[in-house]
Amino acid sequence: MISYQLNDLEDLPKFSNQYDSSNLPKKGPTIDYGLIKIMNSITDGLVAAVIIFVALLLNVIALLCLRFTILSTIEEDYREIGVMKAIGISHYDIKRVY
């Protein structure tokens, strides 16, 4: 393994060209500043995607809980709704009440 540390990033392409033209070993991957920046941005993107997915999942769960709560409340008041229909109250007025 050969590693170098450059103080000035502007010299990176020049150093890379000099290394490629030399007789030093060229086997294996070359990890440079650009590759490290790309890997860092990919990991940040994955973390953001996971956070967004969890937030959407929690929203779906909350909406399902709300739906089931409303349905169970209406089911509890089913007799009252039936009585309202029997007296002749319009559907619009019953919806407005609930």
PDB file of N, CA and C in Angstrom:
ATOM      1  N   MET A   1       0.850  -1.158   0.000  1.00  0.00           N
ATOM      2  CA  MET A   1       0.000   0.000   0.000  1.00  0.00           C
ATOM      3  C   MET A   1       0.908   1.237   0.000  1.00  0.00           C
ATOM      4  N   ILE A   2       0.594   2.115  -0.906  1.00  0.00           N
ATOM      5  CA  ILE A   2       1.320   3.381  -0.996  1.00  0.00           C
ATOM      6  C   ILE A   2       0.317   4.493  -0.735  1.00  0.00           C
ATOM      7  N   SER A   3       0.663   5.397   0.175  1.00  0.00           N
ATOM      8  CA  SER A   3      -0.246   6.503   0.462  1.00  0.00           C
ATOM      9  C   SER A   3       0.537   7.808   0.481  1.00  0.00           C
ATOM     10  N   TYR A   4      -0.136   8.856   0.088  1.00  0.00           N
ATOM     11  CA  TYR A   4       0.451  10.195   0.051  1.00  0.00           C
ATOM     12  C   TYR A   4      -0.555  11.170   0.637  1.00  0.00           C
ATOM     13  N   GLN A   5      -0.024  12.240   1.189  1.00  0.00           N
ATOM     14  CA  GLN A   5      -0.885  13.302   1.683  1.00  0.00           C
ATOM     15  C   GLN A   5      -0.418  14.607   1.060  1.00  0.00           C
ATOM     16  N   LEU A   6      -1.342  15.251   0.355  1.00  0.00           N
ATOM     17  CA  LEU A   6      -1.023  16.529  -0.276  1.00  0.00           C
ATOM     18  C   LEU A   6      -1.640  17.655   0.542  1.00  0.00           C
ATOM     19  N   ASN A   7      -0.920  18.750   0.657  1.00  0.00           N
ATOM     20  CA  ASN A   7      -1.433  19.901   1.392  1.00  0.00           C
ATOM     21  C   ASN A   7      -2.278  20.809   0.509  1.00  0.00           C
ATOM     22  N   ASP A   8      -2.009  20.806  -0.777  1.00  0.00           N
ATOM     23  CA  ASP A   8      -2.733  21.667  -1.705  1.00  0.00           C
ATOM     24  C   ASP A   8      -3.505  20.785  -2.683  1.00  0.00           C
ATOM     25  N   LEU A   9      -4.837  20.922  -2.711  1.00  0.00           N
ATOM     26  CA  LEU A   9      -5.658  20.077  -3.575  1.00  0.00           C
ATOM     27  C   LEU A   9      -5.499  20.416  -5.052  1.00  0.00           C
ATOM     28  N   GLU A  10      -4.991  21.582  -5.360  1.00  0.00           N
ATOM     29  CA  GLU A  10      -4.782  21.942  -6.768  1.00  0.00           C
ATOM     30  C   GLU A  10      -3.671  21.107  -7.392  1.00  0.00           C
ATOM     31  N   ASP A  11      -2.778  20.558  -6.579  1.00  0.00           N
ATOM     32  CA  ASP A  11      -1.680  19.731  -7.096  1.00  0.00           C
ATOM     33  C   ASP A  11      -2.087  18.285  -7.322  1.00  0.00           C
ATOM     34  N   LEU A  12      -3.326  17.915  -6.983  1.00  0.00           N
ATOM     35  CA  LEU A  12      -3.764  16.527  -7.085  1.00  0.00           C
ATOM     36  C   LEU A  12      -3.720  15.990  -8.524  1.00  0.00           C
ATOM     37  N   PRO A  13      -4.251  16.689  -9.537  1.00  0.00           N
ATOM     38  CA  PRO A  13      -4.151  16.135 -10.904  1.00  0.00           C
ATOM     39  C   PRO A  13      -2.702  16.022 -11.386  1.00  0.00           C
ATOM     40  N   LYS A  14      -1.895  16.992 -11.039  1.00  0.00           N
ATOM     41  CA  LYS A  14      -0.480  16.961 -11.439  1.00  0.00           C
ATOM     42  C   LYS A  14       0.217  15.771 -10.787  1.00  0.00           C
ATOM     43  N   PHE A  15      -0.034  15.553  -9.489  1.00  0.00           N
ATOM     44  CA  PHE A  15       0.579  14.432  -8.784  1.00  0.00           C
ATOM     45  C   PHE A  15       0.099  13.105  -9.372  1.00  0.00           C
ATOM     46  N   SER A  16      -1.202  13.009  -9.673  1.00  0.00           N
ATOM     47  CA  SER A  16      -1.742  11.777 -10.244  1.00  0.00           C
ATOM     48  C   SER A  16      -1.103  11.456 -11.585  1.00  0.00           C
ATOM     49  N   ASN A  17      -0.923  12.462 -12.423  1.00  0.00           N
ATOM     50  CA  ASN A  17      -0.276  12.246 -13.732  1.00  0.00           C
ATOM     51  C   ASN A  17       1.177  11.818 -13.559  1.00  0.00           C
ATOM     52  N   GLN A  18       1.884  12.419 -12.621  1.00  0.00           N
ATOM     53  CA  GLN A  18       3.279  12.032 -12.381  1.00  0.00           C
ATOM     54  C   GLN A  18       3.366  10.599 -11.862  1.00  0.00           C
ATOM     55  N   TYR A  19       2.457  10.205 -10.999  1.00  0.00           N
ATOM     56  CA  TYR A  19       2.469   8.839 -10.475  1.00  0.00           C
ATOM     57  C   TYR A  19       2.169   7.840 -11.588  1.00  0.00           C
ATOM     58  N   ASP A  20       1.208   8.150 -12.468  1.00  0.00           N
ATOM     59  CA  ASP A  20       0.881   7.241 -13.565  1.00  0.00           C
ATOM     60  C   ASP A  20       2.041   7.076 -14.531  1.00  0.00           C
ATOM     61  N   SER A  21       2.826   8.127 -14.732  1.00  0.00           N
ATOM     62  CA  SER A  21       3.942   8.049 -15.679  1.00  0.00           C
ATOM     63  C   SER A  21       5.188   7.433 -15.054  1.00  0.00           C
ATOM     64  N   SER A  22       5.219   7.205 -13.751  1.00  0.00           N
ATOM     65  CA  SER A  22       6.398   6.629 -13.096  1.00  0.00           C
ATOM     66  C   SER A  22       6.341   5.106 -13.159  1.00  0.00           C
ATOM     67  N   ASN A  23       7.387   4.458 -12.632  1.00  0.00           N
ATOM     68  CA  ASN A  23       7.476   2.997 -12.609  1.00  0.00           C
ATOM     69  C   ASN A  23       6.961   2.405 -11.296  1.00  0.00           C
ATOM     70  N   LEU A  24       6.203   3.165 -10.533  1.00  0.00           N
ATOM     71  CA  LEU A  24       5.671   2.662  -9.272  1.00  0.00           C
ATOM     72  C   LEU A  24       4.507   1.707  -9.546  1.00  0.00           C
ATOM     73  N   PRO A  25       4.164   0.835  -8.589  1.00  0.00           N
ATOM     74  CA  PRO A  25       3.084  -0.139  -8.808  1.00  0.00           C
ATOM     75  C   PRO A  25       1.748   0.541  -9.109  1.00  0.00           C
ATOM     76  N   LYS A  26       0.991  -0.090 -10.034  1.00  0.00           N
ATOM     77  CA  LYS A  26      -0.283   0.481 -10.454  1.00  0.00           C
ATOM     78  C   LYS A  26      -1.449  -0.484 -10.240  1.00  0.00           C
ATOM     79  N   LYS A  27      -1.239  -1.561  -9.483  1.00  0.00           N
ATOM     80  CA  LYS A  27      -2.310  -2.524  -9.231  1.00  0.00           C
ATOM     81  C   LYS A  27      -3.187  -2.013  -8.098  1.00  0.00           C
ATOM     82  N   GLY A  28      -4.485  -2.346  -8.165  1.00  0.00           N
ATOM     83  CA  GLY A  28      -5.403  -1.990  -7.095  1.00  0.00           C
ATOM     84  C   GLY A  28      -6.104  -0.668  -7.369  1.00  0.00           C
ATOM     85  N   PRO A  29      -7.080  -0.366  -6.551  1.00  0.00           N
ATOM     86  CA  PRO A  29      -7.862   0.858  -6.759  1.00  0.00           C
ATOM     87  C   PRO A  29      -7.100   2.100  -6.290  1.00  0.00           C
ATOM     88  N   THR A  30      -7.406   3.187  -6.932  1.00  0.00           N
ATOM     89  CA  THR A  30      -6.846   4.471  -6.536  1.00  0.00           C
ATOM     90  C   THR A  30      -7.940   5.259  -5.832  1.00  0.00           C
ATOM     91  N   ILE A  31      -7.719   5.559  -4.585  1.00  0.00           N
ATOM     92  CA  ILE A  31      -8.695   6.307  -3.802  1.00  0.00           C
ATOM     93  C   ILE A  31      -8.151   7.713  -3.621  1.00  0.00           C
ATOM     94  N   ASP A  32      -8.863   8.663  -4.215  1.00  0.00           N
ATOM     95  CA  ASP A  32      -8.414  10.052  -4.113  1.00  0.00           C
ATOM     96  C   ASP A  32      -9.507  10.910  -3.484  1.00  0.00           C
ATOM     97  N   TYR A  33      -9.290  12.191  -3.463  1.00  0.00           N
ATOM     98  CA  TYR A  33     -10.193  13.124  -2.801  1.00  0.00           C
ATOM     99  C   TYR A  33     -11.587  13.101  -3.424  1.00  0.00           C
ATOM    100  N   GLY A  34     -11.668  13.015  -4.725  1.00  0.00           N
ATOM    101  CA  GLY A  34     -12.962  12.982  -5.412  1.00  0.00           C
ATOM    102  C   GLY A  34     -13.777  11.765  -5.020  1.00  0.00           C
ATOM    103  N   LEU A  35     -13.128  10.603  -4.934  1.00  0.00           N
ATOM    104  CA  LEU A  35     -13.825   9.367  -4.552  1.00  0.00           C
ATOM    105  C   LEU A  35     -14.317   9.446  -3.105  1.00  0.00           C
ATOM    106  N   ILE A  36     -13.530  10.026  -2.244  1.00  0.00           N
ATOM    107  CA  ILE A  36     -13.951  10.171  -0.841  1.00  0.00           C
ATOM    108  C   ILE A  36     -15.148  11.104  -0.749  1.00  0.00           C
ATOM    109  N   LYS A  37     -15.168  12.201  -1.512  1.00  0.00           N
ATOM    110  CA  LYS A  37     -16.308  13.112  -1.510  1.00  0.00           C
ATOM    111  C   LYS A  37     -17.565  12.423  -2.030  1.00  0.00           C
ATOM    112  N   ILE A  38     -17.428  11.611  -3.079  1.00  0.00           N
ATOM    113  CA  ILE A  38     -18.577  10.886  -3.636  1.00  0.00           C
ATOM    114  C   ILE A  38     -19.126   9.890  -2.618  1.00  0.00           C
ATOM    115  N   MET A  39     -18.265   9.143  -1.948  1.00  0.00           N
ATOM    116  CA  MET A  39     -18.717   8.175  -0.946  1.00  0.00           C
ATOM    117  C   MET A  39     -19.395   8.879   0.224  1.00  0.00           C
ATOM    118  N   ASN A  40     -18.876  10.019   0.622  1.00  0.00           N
ATOM    119  CA  ASN A  40     -19.481  10.780   1.712  1.00  0.00           C
ATOM    120  C   ASN A  40     -20.874  11.273   1.321  1.00  0.00           C
ATOM    121  N   SER A  41     -21.033  11.759   0.098  1.00  0.00           N
ATOM    122  CA  SER A  41     -22.340  12.241  -0.336  1.00  0.00           C
ATOM    123  C   SER A  41     -23.330  11.092  -0.500  1.00  0.00           C
ATOM    124  N   ILE A  42     -22.876   9.924  -0.921  1.00  0.00           N
ATOM    125  CA  ILE A  42     -23.765   8.768  -1.050  1.00  0.00           C
ATOM    126  C   ILE A  42     -24.273   8.329   0.318  1.00  0.00           C
ATOM    127  N   THR A  43     -23.390   8.274   1.308  1.00  0.00           N
ATOM    128  CA  THR A  43     -23.834   7.866   2.642  1.00  0.00           C
ATOM    129  C   THR A  43     -24.788   8.898   3.239  1.00  0.00           C
ATOM    130  N   ASP A  44     -24.534  10.179   3.016  1.00  0.00           N
ATOM    131  CA  ASP A  44     -25.461  11.214   3.496  1.00  0.00           C
ATOM    132  C   ASP A  44     -26.815  11.078   2.813  1.00  0.00           C
ATOM    133  N   GLY A  45     -26.807  10.776   1.529  1.00  0.00           N
ATOM    134  CA  GLY A  45     -28.057  10.583   0.797  1.00  0.00           C
ATOM    135  C   GLY A  45     -28.836   9.381   1.301  1.00  0.00           C
ATOM    136  N   LEU A  46     -28.135   8.298   1.618  1.00  0.00           N
ATOM    137  CA  LEU A  46     -28.816   7.108   2.143  1.00  0.00           C
ATOM    138  C   LEU A  46     -29.437   7.385   3.508  1.00  0.00           C
ATOM    139  N   VAL A  47     -28.728   8.108   4.347  1.00  0.00           N
ATOM    140  CA  VAL A  47     -29.277   8.452   5.662  1.00  0.00           C
ATOM    141  C   VAL A  47     -30.522   9.321   5.496  1.00  0.00           C
ATOM    142  N   ALA A  48     -30.465  10.290   4.595  1.00  0.00           N
ATOM    143  CA  ALA A  48     -31.624  11.155   4.351  1.00  0.00           C
ATOM    144  C   ALA A  48     -32.795  10.338   3.806  1.00  0.00           C
ATOM    145  N   ALA A  49     -32.535   9.396   2.909  1.00  0.00           N
ATOM    146  CA  ALA A  49     -33.602   8.556   2.353  1.00  0.00           C
ATOM    147  C   ALA A  49     -34.248   7.696   3.436  1.00  0.00           C
ATOM    148  N   VAL A  50     -33.464   7.149   4.343  1.00  0.00           N
ATOM    149  CA  VAL A  50     -34.009   6.339   5.434  1.00  0.00           C
ATOM    150  C   VAL A  50     -34.863   7.193   6.358  1.00  0.00           C
ATOM    151  N   ILE A  51     -34.412   8.400   6.665  1.00  0.00           N
ATOM    152  CA  ILE A  51     -35.186   9.291   7.535  1.00  0.00           C
ATOM    153  C   ILE A  51     -36.511   9.657   6.874  1.00  0.00           C
ATOM    154  N   ILE A  52     -36.493   9.950   5.581  1.00  0.00           N
ATOM    155  CA  ILE A  52     -37.727  10.285   4.858  1.00  0.00           C
ATOM    156  C   ILE A  52     -38.672   9.080   4.830  1.00  0.00           C
ATOM    157  N   PHE A  53     -38.131   7.889   4.604  1.00  0.00           N
ATOM    158  CA  PHE A  53     -38.953   6.681   4.582  1.00  0.00           C
ATOM    159  C   PHE A  53     -39.616   6.440   5.936  1.00  0.00           C
ATOM    160  N   VAL A  54     -38.868   6.599   7.012  1.00  0.00           N
ATOM    161  CA  VAL A  54     -39.429   6.411   8.355  1.00  0.00           C
ATOM    162  C   VAL A  54     -40.511   7.451   8.626  1.00  0.00           C
ATOM    163  N   ALA A  55     -40.282   8.694   8.205  1.00  0.00           N
ATOM    164  CA  ALA A  55     -41.290   9.740   8.412  1.00  0.00           C
ATOM    165  C   ALA A  55     -42.574   9.420   7.645  1.00  0.00           C
ATOM    166  N   LEU A  56     -42.447   8.974   6.413  1.00  0.00           N
ATOM    167  CA  LEU A  56     -43.633   8.601   5.631  1.00  0.00           C
ATOM    168  C   LEU A  56     -44.361   7.409   6.254  1.00  0.00           C
ATOM    169  N   LEU A  57     -43.605   6.455   6.735  1.00  0.00           N
ATOM    170  CA  LEU A  57     -44.211   5.293   7.375  1.00  0.00           C
ATOM    171  C   LEU A  57     -44.979   5.697   8.635  1.00  0.00           C
ATOM    172  N   LEU A  58     -44.419   6.591   9.425  1.00  0.00           N
ATOM    173  CA  LEU A  58     -45.122   7.069  10.620  1.00  0.00           C
ATOM    174  C   LEU A  58     -46.384   7.847  10.256  1.00  0.00           C
ATOM    175  N   ASN A  59     -46.332   8.614   9.169  1.00  0.00           N
ATOM    176  CA  ASN A  59     -47.528   9.329   8.719  1.00  0.00           C
ATOM    177  C   ASN A  59     -48.624   8.362   8.290  1.00  0.00           C
ATOM    178  N   VAL A  60     -48.259   7.314   7.582  1.00  0.00           N
ATOM    179  CA  VAL A  60     -49.246   6.314   7.153  1.00  0.00           C
ATOM    180  C   VAL A  60     -49.867   5.631   8.365  1.00  0.00           C
ATOM    181  N   ILE A  61     -49.046   5.292   9.342  1.00  0.00           N
ATOM    182  CA  ILE A  61     -49.565   4.653  10.551  1.00  0.00           C
ATOM    183  C   ILE A  61     -50.512   5.598  11.290  1.00  0.00           C
ATOM    184  N   ALA A  62     -50.146   6.866  11.380  1.00  0.00           N
ATOM    185  CA  ALA A  62     -51.011   7.842  12.054  1.00  0.00           C
ATOM    186  C   ALA A  62     -52.339   8.002  11.328  1.00  0.00           C
ATOM    187  N   LEU A  63     -52.297   8.037   9.992  1.00  0.00           N
ATOM    188  CA  LEU A  63     -53.538   8.151   9.226  1.00  0.00           C
ATOM    189  C   LEU A  63     -54.423   6.914   9.389  1.00  0.00           C
ATOM    190  N   LEU A  64     -53.817   5.738   9.439  1.00  0.00           N
ATOM    191  CA  LEU A  64     -54.601   4.521   9.663  1.00  0.00           C
ATOM    192  C   LEU A  64     -55.242   4.525  11.048  1.00  0.00           C
ATOM    193  N   CYS A  65     -54.503   4.963  12.048  1.00  0.00           N
ATOM    194  CA  CYS A  65     -55.077   5.050  13.398  1.00  0.00           C
ATOM    195  C   CYS A  65     -56.241   6.035  13.420  1.00  0.00           C
ATOM    196  N   LEU A  66     -56.072   7.151  12.752  1.00  0.00           N
ATOM    197  CA  LEU A  66     -57.145   8.146  12.697  1.00  0.00           C
ATOM    198  C   LEU A  66     -58.376   7.581  11.988  1.00  0.00           C
ATOM    199  N   ARG A  67     -58.149   6.879  10.898  1.00  0.00           N
ATOM    200  CA  ARG A  67     -59.268   6.283  10.152  1.00  0.00           C
ATOM    201  C   ARG A  67     -60.014   5.274  11.006  1.00  0.00           C
ATOM    202  N   PHE A  68     -59.274   4.388  11.682  1.00  0.00           N
ATOM    203  CA  PHE A  68     -59.938   3.375  12.514  1.00  0.00           C
ATOM    204  C   PHE A  68     -60.662   4.010  13.699  1.00  0.00           C
ATOM    205  N   THR A  69     -60.135   5.081  14.228  1.00  0.00           N
ATOM    206  CA  THR A  69     -60.807   5.774  15.325  1.00  0.00           C
ATOM    207  C   THR A  69     -62.122   6.370  14.856  1.00  0.00           C
ATOM    208  N   ILE A  70     -62.099   7.001  13.710  1.00  0.00           N
ATOM    209  CA  ILE A  70     -63.327   7.591  13.158  1.00  0.00           C
ATOM    210  C   ILE A  70     -64.349   6.508  12.843  1.00  0.00           C
ATOM    211  N   LEU A  71     -63.908   5.413  12.237  1.00  0.00           N
ATOM    212  CA  LEU A  71     -64.835   4.329  11.908  1.00  0.00           C
ATOM    213  C   LEU A  71     -65.441   3.705  13.160  1.00  0.00           C
ATOM    214  N   SER A  72     -64.631   3.524  14.202  1.00  0.00           N
ATOM    215  CA  SER A  72     -65.191   2.932  15.420  1.00  0.00           C
ATOM    216  C   SER A  72     -66.150   3.900  16.106  1.00  0.00           C
ATOM    217  N   THR A  73     -65.895   5.192  16.030  1.00  0.00           N
ATOM    218  CA  THR A  73     -66.812   6.171  16.609  1.00  0.00           C
ATOM    219  C   THR A  73     -68.135   6.172  15.860  1.00  0.00           C
ATOM    220  N   ILE A  74     -68.075   6.119  14.547  1.00  0.00           N
ATOM    221  CA  ILE A  74     -69.309   6.081  13.751  1.00  0.00           C
ATOM    222  C   ILE A  74     -70.066   4.784  14.014  1.00  0.00           C
ATOM    223  N   GLU A  75     -69.328   3.677  14.172  1.00  0.00           N
ATOM    224  CA  GLU A  75     -69.991   2.400  14.447  1.00  0.00           C
ATOM    225  C   GLU A  75     -70.693   2.425  15.803  1.00  0.00           C
ATOM    226  N   GLU A  76     -70.089   3.116  16.780  1.00  0.00           N
ATOM    227  CA  GLU A  76     -70.740   3.241  18.083  1.00  0.00           C
ATOM    228  C   GLU A  76     -72.027   4.066  17.977  1.00  0.00           C
ATOM    229  N   ASP A  77     -72.051   5.037  17.098  1.00  0.00           N
ATOM    230  CA  ASP A  77     -73.215   5.909  16.931  1.00  0.00           C
ATOM    231  C   ASP A  77     -74.127   5.427  15.798  1.00  0.00           C
ATOM    232  N   TYR A  78     -73.978   4.169  15.392  1.00  0.00           N
ATOM    233  CA  TYR A  78     -74.742   3.641  14.267  1.00  0.00           C
ATOM    234  C   TYR A  78     -76.250   3.693  14.526  1.00  0.00           C
ATOM    235  N   ARG A  79     -76.663   3.391  15.746  1.00  0.00           N
ATOM    236  CA  ARG A  79     -78.094   3.426  16.081  1.00  0.00           C
ATOM    237  C   ARG A  79     -78.642   4.851  15.975  1.00  0.00           C
ATOM    238  N   GLU A  80     -77.864   5.803  16.482  1.00  0.00           N
ATOM    239  CA  GLU A  80     -78.318   7.196  16.417  1.00  0.00           C
ATOM    240  C   GLU A  80     -78.445   7.666  14.976  1.00  0.00           C
ATOM    241  N   ILE A  81     -77.522   7.245  14.135  1.00  0.00           N
ATOM    242  CA  ILE A  81     -77.584   7.607  12.717  1.00  0.00           C
ATOM    243  C   ILE A  81     -78.818   6.975  12.080  1.00  0.00           C
ATOM    244  N   GLY A  82     -79.110   5.733  12.443  1.00  0.00           N
ATOM    245  CA  GLY A  82     -80.300   5.065  11.929  1.00  0.00           C
ATOM    246  C   GLY A  82     -81.579   5.776  12.351  1.00  0.00           C
ATOM    247  N   VAL A  83     -81.610   6.238  13.588  1.00  0.00           N
ATOM    248  CA  VAL A  83     -82.775   6.979  14.064  1.00  0.00           C
ATOM    249  C   VAL A  83     -82.922   8.287  13.299  1.00  0.00           C
ATOM    250  N   MET A  84     -81.812   8.960  13.067  1.00  0.00           N
ATOM    251  CA  MET A  84     -81.854  10.224  12.307  1.00  0.00           C
ATOM    252  C   MET A  84     -82.379   9.987  10.901  1.00  0.00           C
ATOM    253  N   LYS A  85     -81.924   8.896  10.280  1.00  0.00           N
ATOM    254  CA  LYS A  85     -82.422   8.571   8.938  1.00  0.00           C
ATOM    255  C   LYS A  85     -83.913   8.246   8.978  1.00  0.00           C
ATOM    256  N   ALA A  86     -84.326   7.557  10.037  1.00  0.00           N
ATOM    257  CA  ALA A  86     -85.735   7.169  10.149  1.00  0.00           C
ATOM    258  C   ALA A  86     -86.636   8.385  10.338  1.00  0.00           C
ATOM    259  N   ILE A  87     -86.143   9.399  11.023  1.00  0.00           N
ATOM    260  CA  ILE A  87     -86.962  10.606  11.207  1.00  0.00           C
ATOM    261  C   ILE A  87     -87.018  11.419   9.918  1.00  0.00           C
ATOM    262  N   GLY A  88     -86.068  11.227   9.041  1.00  0.00           N
ATOM    263  CA  GLY A  88     -86.105  11.946   7.770  1.00  0.00           C
ATOM    264  C   GLY A  88     -85.058  13.037   7.642  1.00  0.00           C
ATOM    265  N   ILE A  89     -84.047  13.025   8.487  1.00  0.00           N
ATOM    266  CA  ILE A  89     -82.966  14.024   8.366  1.00  0.00           C
ATOM    267  C   ILE A  89     -82.125  13.674   7.134  1.00  0.00           C
ATOM    268  N   SER A  90     -81.765  14.689   6.376  1.00  0.00           N
ATOM    269  CA  SER A  90     -81.029  14.439   5.125  1.00  0.00           C
ATOM    270  C   SER A  90     -79.604  13.954   5.419  1.00  0.00           C
ATOM    271  N   HIS A  91     -79.025  13.291   4.413  1.00  0.00           N
ATOM    272  CA  HIS A  91     -77.663  12.772   4.552  1.00  0.00           C
ATOM    273  C   HIS A  91     -76.660  13.896   4.796  1.00  0.00           C
ATOM    274  N   TYR A  92     -76.891  15.043   4.152  1.00  0.00           N
ATOM    275  CA  TYR A  92     -75.988  16.175   4.316  1.00  0.00           C
ATOM    276  C   TYR A  92     -75.972  16.640   5.774  1.00  0.00           C
ATOM    277  N   ASP A  93     -77.130  16.725   6.399  1.00  0.00           N
ATOM    278  CA  ASP A  93     -77.198  17.172   7.790  1.00  0.00           C
ATOM    279  C   ASP A  93     -76.560  16.160   8.737  1.00  0.00           C
ATOM    280  N   ILE A  94     -76.733  14.873   8.441  1.00  0.00           N
ATOM    281  CA  ILE A  94     -76.101  13.839   9.275  1.00  0.00           C
ATOM    282  C   ILE A  94     -74.573  13.914   9.146  1.00  0.00           C
ATOM    283  N   LYS A  95     -74.096  14.129   7.930  1.00  0.00           N
ATOM    284  CA  LYS A  95     -72.650  14.286   7.728  1.00  0.00           C
ATOM    285  C   LYS A  95     -72.120  15.495   8.449  1.00  0.00           C
ATOM    286  N   ARG A  96     -72.914  16.557   8.451  1.00  0.00           N
ATOM    287  CA  ARG A  96     -72.497  17.793   9.109  1.00  0.00           C
ATOM    288  C   ARG A  96     -72.402  17.588  10.625  1.00  0.00           C
ATOM    289  N   VAL A  97     -73.284  16.779  11.171  1.00  0.00           N
ATOM    290  CA  VAL A  97     -73.254  16.499  12.618  1.00  0.00           C
ATOM    291  C   VAL A  97     -71.996  15.717  12.959  1.00  0.00           C
ATOM    292  N   TYR A  98     -71.650  14.751  12.120  1.00  0.00           N
ATOM    293  CA  TYR A  98     -70.490  13.906  12.420  1.00  0.00           C
ATOM    294  C   TYR A  98     -69.259  14.413  11.713  1.00  0.00           C
TER     295      TYR A  98
END
